[in-house]
């Protein structure tokens, strides 16, 4: 039985019972059977969480995003609007073509900008940032800022998301993440 603190809008379709406390499922969103969604999440309008997808705690999924089977989102992740995840390297029109599920992992604290495409089989590192419109075709290191098509690393970012100057602590919060600061 679903926790009574979970809010599901009257137009949303929430077929999974594995929804964490205080999660909000807004208008026209669809959470399929077998999907797992953590606590304190927000699933905005027209988002879809597919069977076998895993969404951690405190994840924000903006409108028109599909998190497909085989995608795991860890805690404290921002998923911008219109994010496209894939789960098959060789897609064909028929499910009977023997397709192979290829998994994708988005690590804790990462942020994915609007209209980014995440090609299956990659790991997006902890606290990494993917710029809007980027196409991620390979792994993204922890704290990396990537952008473009294909996405390439352009800088390092702090835990707070602020771009880091080479060899200096974060100008916004004063912390220094672990990765080397030279590119």
N, C-alpha and C. Protein backbone atom coordinates (compact mmCIF):
# COMPACT_ATOMS: atom_id res chain seq x y z
N UNK A 1 0.83 -1.19 0.00
CA UNK A 1 0.00 0.00 0.00
C UNK A 1 0.88 1.26 0.00
N UNK A 2 0.49 2.23 -0.81
CA UNK A 2 1.24 3.47 -0.96
C UNK A 2 1.11 4.34 0.28
N UNK A 3 2.20 5.00 0.65
CA UNK A 3 2.21 5.93 1.79
C UNK A 3 1.15 7.01 1.56
N UNK A 4 0.35 7.34 2.58
CA UNK A 4 -0.71 8.35 2.40
C UNK A 4 -0.20 9.76 2.13
N UNK A 5 1.09 10.03 2.37
CA UNK A 5 1.63 11.36 2.10
C UNK A 5 1.98 11.57 0.63
N UNK A 6 1.89 10.52 -0.19
CA UNK A 6 2.16 10.64 -1.62
C UNK A 6 0.98 11.36 -2.28
N UNK A 7 1.29 12.38 -3.09
CA UNK A 7 0.26 13.10 -3.83
C UNK A 7 0.29 12.65 -5.28
N UNK A 8 -0.85 12.23 -5.80
CA UNK A 8 -0.99 11.88 -7.21
C UNK A 8 -2.14 12.71 -7.77
N UNK A 9 -1.83 13.57 -8.72
CA UNK A 9 -2.84 14.43 -9.34
C UNK A 9 -3.93 13.55 -9.96
N UNK A 10 -5.13 14.08 -10.02
CA UNK A 10 -6.27 13.30 -10.53
C UNK A 10 -6.11 12.87 -11.98
N UNK A 11 -5.27 13.58 -12.76
CA UNK A 11 -5.06 13.20 -14.16
C UNK A 11 -3.80 12.35 -14.36
N UNK A 12 -3.03 12.13 -13.30
CA UNK A 12 -1.82 11.31 -13.40
C UNK A 12 -2.21 9.83 -13.31
N UNK A 13 -1.36 8.97 -13.86
CA UNK A 13 -1.55 7.53 -13.78
C UNK A 13 -0.37 6.96 -13.02
N UNK A 14 -0.61 6.52 -11.80
CA UNK A 14 0.45 5.99 -10.95
C UNK A 14 0.15 4.53 -10.67
N UNK A 15 0.78 3.63 -11.43
CA UNK A 15 0.50 2.20 -11.35
C UNK A 15 1.48 1.46 -10.45
N UNK A 16 2.47 2.13 -9.92
CA UNK A 16 3.43 1.50 -9.02
C UNK A 16 3.06 1.81 -7.58
N UNK A 17 3.24 0.83 -6.72
CA UNK A 17 3.05 1.04 -5.28
C UNK A 17 4.37 1.42 -4.61
N UNK A 18 5.47 1.32 -5.36
CA UNK A 18 6.80 1.57 -4.81
C UNK A 18 7.18 3.04 -4.96
N UNK A 19 6.41 3.90 -4.28
CA UNK A 19 6.59 5.34 -4.33
C UNK A 19 6.86 5.81 -2.91
N UNK A 20 7.95 6.57 -2.72
CA UNK A 20 8.34 7.01 -1.39
C UNK A 20 7.47 8.11 -0.82
N UNK A 21 7.54 8.25 0.47
CA UNK A 21 6.77 9.25 1.20
C UNK A 21 7.00 10.65 0.66
N UNK A 22 5.96 11.44 0.67
CA UNK A 22 5.97 12.86 0.30
C UNK A 22 6.32 13.12 -1.17
N UNK A 23 6.33 12.09 -1.98
CA UNK A 23 6.56 12.29 -3.42
C UNK A 23 5.30 12.86 -4.04
N UNK A 24 5.49 13.73 -5.04
CA UNK A 24 4.37 14.38 -5.72
C UNK A 24 4.42 14.01 -7.20
N UNK A 25 3.30 13.51 -7.71
CA UNK A 25 3.15 13.11 -9.12
C UNK A 25 2.11 14.06 -9.71
N UNK A 26 2.57 14.94 -10.60
CA UNK A 26 1.70 16.00 -11.11
C UNK A 26 0.94 15.58 -12.36
N UNK A 27 0.17 16.51 -12.91
CA UNK A 27 -0.79 16.26 -13.99
C UNK A 27 -0.19 15.49 -15.17
N UNK A 28 -0.91 14.48 -15.58
CA UNK A 28 -0.63 13.69 -16.78
C UNK A 28 0.69 12.92 -16.73
N UNK A 29 1.33 12.85 -15.56
CA UNK A 29 2.53 12.02 -15.42
C UNK A 29 2.09 10.55 -15.36
N UNK A 30 3.01 9.65 -15.69
CA UNK A 30 2.71 8.22 -15.69
C UNK A 30 3.86 7.47 -15.01
N UNK A 31 3.55 6.81 -13.91
CA UNK A 31 4.51 5.94 -13.23
C UNK A 31 4.03 4.52 -13.47
N UNK A 32 4.80 3.76 -14.25
CA UNK A 32 4.37 2.43 -14.67
C UNK A 32 4.59 1.38 -13.58
N UNK A 33 3.88 0.26 -13.68
CA UNK A 33 4.09 -0.82 -12.71
C UNK A 33 5.55 -1.27 -12.75
N UNK A 34 6.13 -1.52 -11.60
CA UNK A 34 7.52 -1.97 -11.55
C UNK A 34 8.53 -0.84 -11.48
N UNK A 35 8.08 0.41 -11.58
CA UNK A 35 8.98 1.56 -11.39
C UNK A 35 9.16 1.77 -9.90
N UNK A 36 10.34 2.26 -9.52
CA UNK A 36 10.61 2.59 -8.12
C UNK A 36 10.95 4.07 -8.03
N UNK A 37 10.26 4.78 -7.15
CA UNK A 37 10.49 6.21 -6.96
C UNK A 37 10.68 6.45 -5.47
N UNK A 38 11.73 7.18 -5.11
CA UNK A 38 12.08 7.42 -3.72
C UNK A 38 11.21 8.46 -3.04
N UNK A 39 11.66 8.90 -1.88
CA UNK A 39 10.94 9.89 -1.07
C UNK A 39 11.22 11.31 -1.54
N UNK A 40 10.27 12.19 -1.29
CA UNK A 40 10.41 13.63 -1.53
C UNK A 40 10.75 13.98 -2.98
N UNK A 41 10.26 13.19 -3.93
CA UNK A 41 10.50 13.47 -5.35
C UNK A 41 9.35 14.31 -5.91
N UNK A 42 9.64 14.98 -7.02
CA UNK A 42 8.60 15.69 -7.77
C UNK A 42 8.68 15.23 -9.21
N UNK A 43 7.58 14.67 -9.70
CA UNK A 43 7.48 14.20 -11.08
C UNK A 43 6.49 15.13 -11.78
N UNK A 44 7.01 16.01 -12.62
CA UNK A 44 6.18 17.05 -13.21
C UNK A 44 5.38 16.55 -14.41
N UNK A 45 4.52 17.43 -14.92
CA UNK A 45 3.56 17.11 -15.96
C UNK A 45 4.18 16.38 -17.15
N UNK A 46 3.48 15.34 -17.58
CA UNK A 46 3.81 14.55 -18.76
C UNK A 46 5.12 13.77 -18.64
N UNK A 47 5.67 13.65 -17.44
CA UNK A 47 6.85 12.80 -17.28
C UNK A 47 6.40 11.34 -17.19
N UNK A 48 7.30 10.44 -17.61
CA UNK A 48 7.00 9.01 -17.58
C UNK A 48 8.16 8.30 -16.90
N UNK A 49 7.82 7.45 -15.92
CA UNK A 49 8.81 6.60 -15.26
C UNK A 49 8.45 5.17 -15.67
N UNK A 50 9.28 4.56 -16.47
CA UNK A 50 9.02 3.25 -17.07
C UNK A 50 9.22 2.12 -16.06
N UNK A 51 8.64 0.98 -16.37
CA UNK A 51 8.87 -0.22 -15.55
C UNK A 51 10.37 -0.47 -15.47
N UNK A 52 10.85 -0.86 -14.32
CA UNK A 52 12.26 -1.16 -14.17
C UNK A 52 13.16 0.06 -14.02
N UNK A 53 12.60 1.26 -14.09
CA UNK A 53 13.40 2.47 -13.83
C UNK A 53 13.46 2.68 -12.32
N UNK A 54 14.57 3.25 -11.86
CA UNK A 54 14.75 3.51 -10.43
C UNK A 54 15.08 4.99 -10.26
N UNK A 55 14.29 5.66 -9.43
CA UNK A 55 14.49 7.08 -9.14
C UNK A 55 14.74 7.19 -7.64
N UNK A 56 15.86 7.80 -7.26
CA UNK A 56 16.25 7.91 -5.86
C UNK A 56 15.42 8.93 -5.09
N UNK A 57 15.93 9.36 -3.97
CA UNK A 57 15.26 10.32 -3.10
C UNK A 57 15.58 11.76 -3.50
N UNK A 58 14.60 12.63 -3.30
CA UNK A 58 14.76 14.07 -3.55
C UNK A 58 15.16 14.37 -5.00
N UNK A 59 14.58 13.63 -5.93
CA UNK A 59 14.86 13.83 -7.36
C UNK A 59 13.75 14.69 -7.95
N UNK A 60 14.14 15.65 -8.76
CA UNK A 60 13.20 16.52 -9.45
C UNK A 60 13.21 16.14 -10.93
N UNK A 61 12.08 15.67 -11.44
CA UNK A 61 11.94 15.28 -12.85
C UNK A 61 10.99 16.28 -13.50
N UNK A 62 11.54 17.14 -14.35
CA UNK A 62 10.73 18.17 -14.98
C UNK A 62 9.87 17.59 -16.10
N UNK A 63 9.00 18.42 -16.66
CA UNK A 63 7.99 18.00 -17.63
C UNK A 63 8.59 17.38 -18.90
N UNK A 64 7.82 16.46 -19.47
CA UNK A 64 8.10 15.83 -20.76
C UNK A 64 9.36 14.98 -20.77
N UNK A 65 9.73 14.44 -19.64
CA UNK A 65 10.91 13.58 -19.56
C UNK A 65 10.48 12.14 -19.41
N UNK A 66 11.17 11.25 -20.12
CA UNK A 66 10.91 9.81 -20.01
C UNK A 66 12.14 9.15 -19.42
N UNK A 67 11.96 8.53 -18.26
CA UNK A 67 13.04 7.74 -17.66
C UNK A 67 12.70 6.30 -17.94
N UNK A 68 13.42 5.71 -18.89
CA UNK A 68 13.05 4.40 -19.39
C UNK A 68 13.67 3.26 -18.58
N UNK A 69 13.17 2.07 -18.85
CA UNK A 69 13.66 0.86 -18.20
C UNK A 69 15.17 0.79 -18.31
N UNK A 70 15.82 0.41 -17.21
CA UNK A 70 17.27 0.29 -17.21
C UNK A 70 18.01 1.53 -16.76
N UNK A 71 17.28 2.62 -16.51
CA UNK A 71 17.90 3.86 -16.04
C UNK A 71 17.77 3.92 -14.53
N UNK A 72 18.89 4.20 -13.86
CA UNK A 72 18.90 4.40 -12.41
C UNK A 72 19.35 5.81 -12.12
N UNK A 73 18.52 6.52 -11.36
CA UNK A 73 18.82 7.89 -10.95
C UNK A 73 19.06 7.83 -9.44
N UNK A 74 20.24 8.25 -8.99
CA UNK A 74 20.53 8.26 -7.56
C UNK A 74 19.88 9.49 -6.90
N UNK A 75 20.17 9.70 -5.62
CA UNK A 75 19.55 10.77 -4.83
C UNK A 75 19.99 12.17 -5.27
N UNK A 76 19.11 13.15 -5.01
CA UNK A 76 19.40 14.58 -5.16
C UNK A 76 19.78 14.99 -6.58
N UNK A 77 19.14 14.39 -7.57
CA UNK A 77 19.43 14.67 -8.98
C UNK A 77 18.36 15.60 -9.54
N UNK A 78 18.79 16.52 -10.42
CA UNK A 78 17.88 17.39 -11.16
C UNK A 78 17.82 16.88 -12.60
N UNK A 79 16.62 16.54 -13.06
CA UNK A 79 16.40 16.10 -14.43
C UNK A 79 15.56 17.19 -15.10
N UNK A 80 16.17 17.95 -16.00
CA UNK A 80 15.49 19.07 -16.64
C UNK A 80 14.39 18.62 -17.59
N UNK A 81 13.64 19.58 -18.16
CA UNK A 81 12.55 19.23 -19.06
C UNK A 81 13.05 18.64 -20.38
N UNK A 82 12.25 17.74 -20.91
CA UNK A 82 12.50 17.13 -22.23
C UNK A 82 13.79 16.31 -22.29
N UNK A 83 14.21 15.72 -21.20
CA UNK A 83 15.40 14.87 -21.24
C UNK A 83 15.06 13.57 -21.95
N UNK A 84 15.92 13.14 -22.84
CA UNK A 84 15.71 11.89 -23.58
C UNK A 84 16.75 10.86 -23.13
N UNK A 85 16.29 9.82 -22.45
CA UNK A 85 17.14 8.68 -22.12
C UNK A 85 16.88 7.60 -23.16
N UNK A 86 17.89 6.80 -23.46
CA UNK A 86 17.70 5.64 -24.32
C UNK A 86 18.08 4.40 -23.53
N UNK A 87 17.67 3.22 -24.02
CA UNK A 87 18.03 1.98 -23.33
C UNK A 87 18.35 0.84 -24.28
N UNK A 88 18.53 1.14 -25.55
CA UNK A 88 18.82 0.11 -26.55
C UNK A 88 19.81 0.71 -27.56
N UNK A 89 20.97 0.08 -27.71
CA UNK A 89 21.99 0.61 -28.63
C UNK A 89 21.64 0.39 -30.10
N UNK A 90 20.80 -0.62 -30.38
CA UNK A 90 20.42 -0.92 -31.75
C UNK A 90 18.89 -1.04 -31.82
N UNK A 91 18.19 0.10 -31.73
CA UNK A 91 16.72 0.04 -31.69
C UNK A 91 16.12 -0.36 -33.03
N UNK A 92 15.08 -1.16 -32.97
CA UNK A 92 14.32 -1.57 -34.16
C UNK A 92 12.85 -1.40 -33.85
N UNK A 93 12.02 -1.51 -34.85
CA UNK A 93 10.60 -1.26 -34.71
C UNK A 93 9.81 -2.31 -33.97
N UNK A 94 10.33 -3.51 -33.84
CA UNK A 94 9.58 -4.57 -33.20
C UNK A 94 10.27 -5.02 -31.92
N UNK A 95 9.49 -5.21 -30.87
CA UNK A 95 10.04 -5.69 -29.60
C UNK A 95 10.51 -7.14 -29.71
N UNK A 96 10.12 -7.83 -30.79
CA UNK A 96 10.51 -9.23 -30.98
C UNK A 96 11.87 -9.37 -31.66
N UNK A 97 12.58 -8.27 -31.89
CA UNK A 97 13.86 -8.31 -32.57
C UNK A 97 15.01 -8.70 -31.67
N UNK A 98 14.72 -9.11 -30.43
CA UNK A 98 15.77 -9.55 -29.52
C UNK A 98 16.62 -8.41 -29.00
N UNK A 99 16.01 -7.29 -28.69
CA UNK A 99 16.76 -6.13 -28.24
C UNK A 99 17.43 -6.41 -26.90
N UNK A 100 18.50 -5.68 -26.65
CA UNK A 100 19.27 -5.85 -25.42
C UNK A 100 19.18 -4.57 -24.60
N UNK A 101 18.71 -4.73 -23.37
CA UNK A 101 18.64 -3.61 -22.45
C UNK A 101 20.05 -3.16 -22.07
N UNK A 102 20.34 -1.88 -22.24
CA UNK A 102 21.62 -1.31 -21.86
C UNK A 102 21.37 -0.28 -20.78
N UNK A 103 21.97 -0.49 -19.62
CA UNK A 103 21.69 0.32 -18.43
C UNK A 103 22.45 1.65 -18.44
N UNK A 104 21.86 2.63 -17.76
CA UNK A 104 22.43 3.97 -17.59
C UNK A 104 22.33 4.34 -16.11
N UNK A 105 23.35 5.04 -15.61
CA UNK A 105 23.38 5.44 -14.21
C UNK A 105 23.64 6.94 -14.12
N UNK A 106 22.80 7.65 -13.37
CA UNK A 106 23.02 9.06 -13.07
C UNK A 106 23.31 9.14 -11.58
N UNK A 107 24.53 9.53 -11.23
CA UNK A 107 24.99 9.49 -9.84
C UNK A 107 24.47 10.68 -9.04
N UNK A 108 24.58 10.55 -7.75
CA UNK A 108 24.07 11.49 -6.75
C UNK A 108 24.45 12.96 -7.07
N UNK A 109 23.45 13.84 -7.00
CA UNK A 109 23.69 15.27 -7.11
C UNK A 109 23.93 15.80 -8.51
N UNK A 110 23.83 14.96 -9.54
CA UNK A 110 24.05 15.42 -10.91
C UNK A 110 22.89 16.29 -11.37
N UNK A 111 23.13 17.13 -12.38
CA UNK A 111 22.10 17.98 -12.98
C UNK A 111 22.14 17.81 -14.48
N UNK A 112 20.97 17.57 -15.08
CA UNK A 112 20.86 17.41 -16.53
C UNK A 112 20.01 18.55 -17.08
N UNK A 113 20.60 19.36 -17.95
CA UNK A 113 19.90 20.51 -18.51
C UNK A 113 18.86 20.14 -19.54
N UNK A 114 17.95 21.07 -19.80
CA UNK A 114 16.83 20.86 -20.71
C UNK A 114 17.27 20.32 -22.07
N UNK A 115 16.48 19.40 -22.58
CA UNK A 115 16.66 18.84 -23.93
C UNK A 115 17.96 18.06 -24.12
N UNK A 116 18.60 17.63 -23.05
CA UNK A 116 19.78 16.78 -23.19
C UNK A 116 19.34 15.37 -23.60
N UNK A 117 20.20 14.69 -24.34
CA UNK A 117 19.98 13.29 -24.71
C UNK A 117 21.07 12.47 -24.05
N UNK A 118 20.67 11.42 -23.35
CA UNK A 118 21.60 10.56 -22.65
C UNK A 118 21.56 9.20 -23.33
N UNK A 119 22.61 8.89 -24.08
CA UNK A 119 22.69 7.61 -24.79
C UNK A 119 22.97 6.51 -23.78
N UNK A 120 22.30 5.39 -23.93
CA UNK A 120 22.40 4.32 -22.94
C UNK A 120 23.82 3.79 -22.79
N UNK A 121 24.07 3.24 -21.60
CA UNK A 121 25.36 2.63 -21.31
C UNK A 121 26.36 3.55 -20.65
N UNK A 122 25.95 4.79 -20.35
CA UNK A 122 26.88 5.73 -19.73
C UNK A 122 26.59 5.90 -18.25
N UNK A 123 27.59 6.41 -17.54
CA UNK A 123 27.43 6.83 -16.16
C UNK A 123 27.71 8.32 -16.11
N UNK A 124 26.78 9.06 -15.53
CA UNK A 124 26.99 10.49 -15.31
C UNK A 124 27.40 10.62 -13.85
N UNK A 125 28.58 11.16 -13.62
CA UNK A 125 29.19 11.18 -12.31
C UNK A 125 28.48 12.05 -11.29
N UNK A 126 28.83 11.81 -10.03
CA UNK A 126 28.26 12.56 -8.92
C UNK A 126 28.52 14.05 -9.08
N UNK A 127 27.51 14.85 -8.89
CA UNK A 127 27.58 16.33 -8.93
C UNK A 127 28.02 16.87 -10.28
N UNK A 128 27.99 16.03 -11.32
CA UNK A 128 28.31 16.49 -12.67
C UNK A 128 27.16 17.34 -13.19
N UNK A 129 27.44 18.11 -14.24
CA UNK A 129 26.43 18.95 -14.85
C UNK A 129 26.48 18.78 -16.36
N UNK A 130 25.31 18.47 -16.94
CA UNK A 130 25.18 18.32 -18.39
C UNK A 130 24.43 19.55 -18.89
N UNK A 131 25.05 20.30 -19.79
CA UNK A 131 24.44 21.54 -20.29
C UNK A 131 23.23 21.24 -21.17
N UNK A 132 22.33 22.19 -21.25
CA UNK A 132 21.12 22.07 -22.05
C UNK A 132 21.46 21.72 -23.49
N UNK A 133 20.70 20.80 -24.07
CA UNK A 133 20.85 20.42 -25.46
C UNK A 133 22.01 19.50 -25.77
N UNK A 134 22.76 19.07 -24.78
CA UNK A 134 23.93 18.22 -25.01
C UNK A 134 23.51 16.79 -25.31
N UNK A 135 24.39 16.07 -26.03
CA UNK A 135 24.18 14.66 -26.32
C UNK A 135 25.32 13.89 -25.66
N UNK A 136 25.00 13.17 -24.58
CA UNK A 136 26.01 12.46 -23.81
C UNK A 136 26.17 11.06 -24.39
N UNK A 137 27.37 10.77 -24.92
CA UNK A 137 27.65 9.49 -25.56
C UNK A 137 28.69 8.66 -24.82
N UNK A 138 29.28 9.25 -23.76
CA UNK A 138 30.28 8.52 -22.98
C UNK A 138 30.21 8.97 -21.53
N UNK A 139 30.88 8.24 -20.65
CA UNK A 139 30.83 8.54 -19.22
C UNK A 139 31.26 9.97 -18.93
N UNK A 140 30.63 10.54 -17.90
CA UNK A 140 30.93 11.89 -17.45
C UNK A 140 31.54 11.78 -16.05
N UNK A 141 32.76 12.31 -15.83
CA UNK A 141 33.38 12.21 -14.50
C UNK A 141 32.62 12.99 -13.43
N UNK A 142 32.83 12.63 -12.17
CA UNK A 142 32.28 13.39 -11.05
C UNK A 142 32.69 14.86 -11.19
N UNK A 143 31.77 15.76 -10.94
CA UNK A 143 32.00 17.22 -10.93
C UNK A 143 32.35 17.81 -12.29
N UNK A 144 32.19 17.07 -13.37
CA UNK A 144 32.49 17.60 -14.69
C UNK A 144 31.31 18.39 -15.24
N UNK A 145 31.60 19.46 -15.96
CA UNK A 145 30.60 20.18 -16.75
C UNK A 145 30.84 19.77 -18.20
N UNK A 146 29.81 19.15 -18.82
CA UNK A 146 29.92 18.75 -20.22
C UNK A 146 28.88 19.48 -21.04
N UNK A 147 29.21 19.72 -22.32
CA UNK A 147 28.27 20.38 -23.21
C UNK A 147 28.60 20.04 -24.65
N UNK A 148 27.60 20.20 -25.51
CA UNK A 148 27.78 20.01 -26.95
C UNK A 148 27.26 18.68 -27.46
N UNK A 149 27.48 18.46 -28.76
CA UNK A 149 27.08 17.24 -29.44
C UNK A 149 28.22 16.77 -30.33
N UNK A 150 28.93 15.71 -29.88
CA UNK A 150 28.76 15.00 -28.62
C UNK A 150 29.29 15.83 -27.45
N UNK A 151 28.77 15.55 -26.26
CA UNK A 151 29.15 16.31 -25.07
C UNK A 151 30.63 16.10 -24.76
N UNK A 152 31.31 17.21 -24.49
CA UNK A 152 32.72 17.20 -24.10
C UNK A 152 32.86 18.00 -22.81
N UNK A 153 33.84 17.61 -22.01
CA UNK A 153 34.06 18.33 -20.76
C UNK A 153 34.67 19.70 -21.04
N UNK A 154 34.09 20.73 -20.39
CA UNK A 154 34.55 22.10 -20.56
C UNK A 154 35.09 22.70 -19.27
N UNK A 155 34.68 22.15 -18.12
CA UNK A 155 35.10 22.71 -16.83
C UNK A 155 34.77 21.70 -15.73
N UNK A 156 35.09 22.11 -14.50
CA UNK A 156 34.70 21.38 -13.30
C UNK A 156 33.68 22.22 -12.56
N UNK A 157 32.77 21.58 -11.85
CA UNK A 157 31.79 22.30 -11.04
C UNK A 157 31.84 21.79 -9.61
N UNK A 158 31.46 22.67 -8.70
CA UNK A 158 31.45 22.37 -7.27
C UNK A 158 30.22 21.53 -6.90
N UNK A 159 30.15 21.11 -5.67
CA UNK A 159 28.96 20.45 -5.13
C UNK A 159 27.73 21.34 -5.31
N UNK A 160 27.93 22.64 -5.20
CA UNK A 160 26.82 23.60 -5.29
C UNK A 160 26.47 23.93 -6.74
N UNK A 161 27.24 23.44 -7.71
CA UNK A 161 26.95 23.67 -9.12
C UNK A 161 27.70 24.83 -9.74
N UNK A 162 28.43 25.58 -8.97
CA UNK A 162 29.17 26.74 -9.46
C UNK A 162 30.43 26.28 -10.19
N UNK A 163 30.76 26.92 -11.30
CA UNK A 163 31.96 26.57 -12.08
C UNK A 163 33.21 26.92 -11.28
N UNK A 164 34.19 26.02 -11.29
CA UNK A 164 35.42 26.19 -10.51
C UNK A 164 36.52 26.80 -11.36
N UNK A 165 37.27 27.70 -10.76
CA UNK A 165 38.47 28.25 -11.38
C UNK A 165 39.62 27.31 -11.06
N UNK A 166 40.49 27.11 -12.00
CA UNK A 166 41.59 26.16 -11.85
C UNK A 166 42.43 26.42 -10.60
N UNK A 167 42.52 25.40 -9.75
CA UNK A 167 43.37 25.47 -8.57
C UNK A 167 42.81 26.26 -7.40
N UNK A 168 41.54 26.69 -7.48
CA UNK A 168 40.96 27.52 -6.43
C UNK A 168 39.70 26.86 -5.86
N UNK A 169 39.42 27.14 -4.58
CA UNK A 169 38.16 26.64 -4.04
C UNK A 169 36.99 27.38 -4.69
N UNK A 170 35.82 26.87 -4.50
CA UNK A 170 34.61 27.45 -5.08
C UNK A 170 34.40 28.88 -4.58
N UNK A 171 34.16 29.81 -5.49
CA UNK A 171 33.94 31.21 -5.13
C UNK A 171 32.59 31.41 -4.46
N UNK A 172 31.67 30.48 -4.64
CA UNK A 172 30.34 30.62 -4.06
C UNK A 172 30.26 30.04 -2.65
N UNK A 173 30.75 28.77 -2.47
CA UNK A 173 30.58 28.12 -1.17
C UNK A 173 31.89 27.83 -0.45
N UNK A 174 33.03 27.99 -1.14
CA UNK A 174 34.34 27.81 -0.51
C UNK A 174 34.87 26.40 -0.47
N UNK A 175 34.05 25.42 -0.93
CA UNK A 175 34.53 24.03 -0.92
C UNK A 175 35.38 23.75 -2.14
N UNK A 176 36.18 22.69 -2.06
CA UNK A 176 37.00 22.23 -3.18
C UNK A 176 36.71 20.76 -3.44
N UNK A 177 35.99 20.44 -4.53
CA UNK A 177 35.74 19.04 -4.83
C UNK A 177 37.03 18.27 -5.13
N UNK A 178 36.93 16.97 -5.08
CA UNK A 178 38.08 16.08 -5.20
C UNK A 178 38.78 16.07 -6.57
N UNK A 179 38.10 16.25 -7.71
CA UNK A 179 38.80 16.04 -8.98
C UNK A 179 39.90 17.07 -9.22
N UNK A 180 40.88 16.71 -10.05
CA UNK A 180 41.91 17.68 -10.41
C UNK A 180 41.25 18.85 -11.15
N UNK A 181 41.78 20.04 -10.96
CA UNK A 181 41.13 21.21 -11.53
C UNK A 181 41.69 21.61 -12.89
N UNK A 182 42.63 20.88 -13.43
CA UNK A 182 43.12 21.20 -14.77
C UNK A 182 42.43 20.28 -15.78
N UNK A 183 42.18 20.78 -16.96
CA UNK A 183 41.53 19.99 -18.03
C UNK A 183 42.54 19.57 -19.06
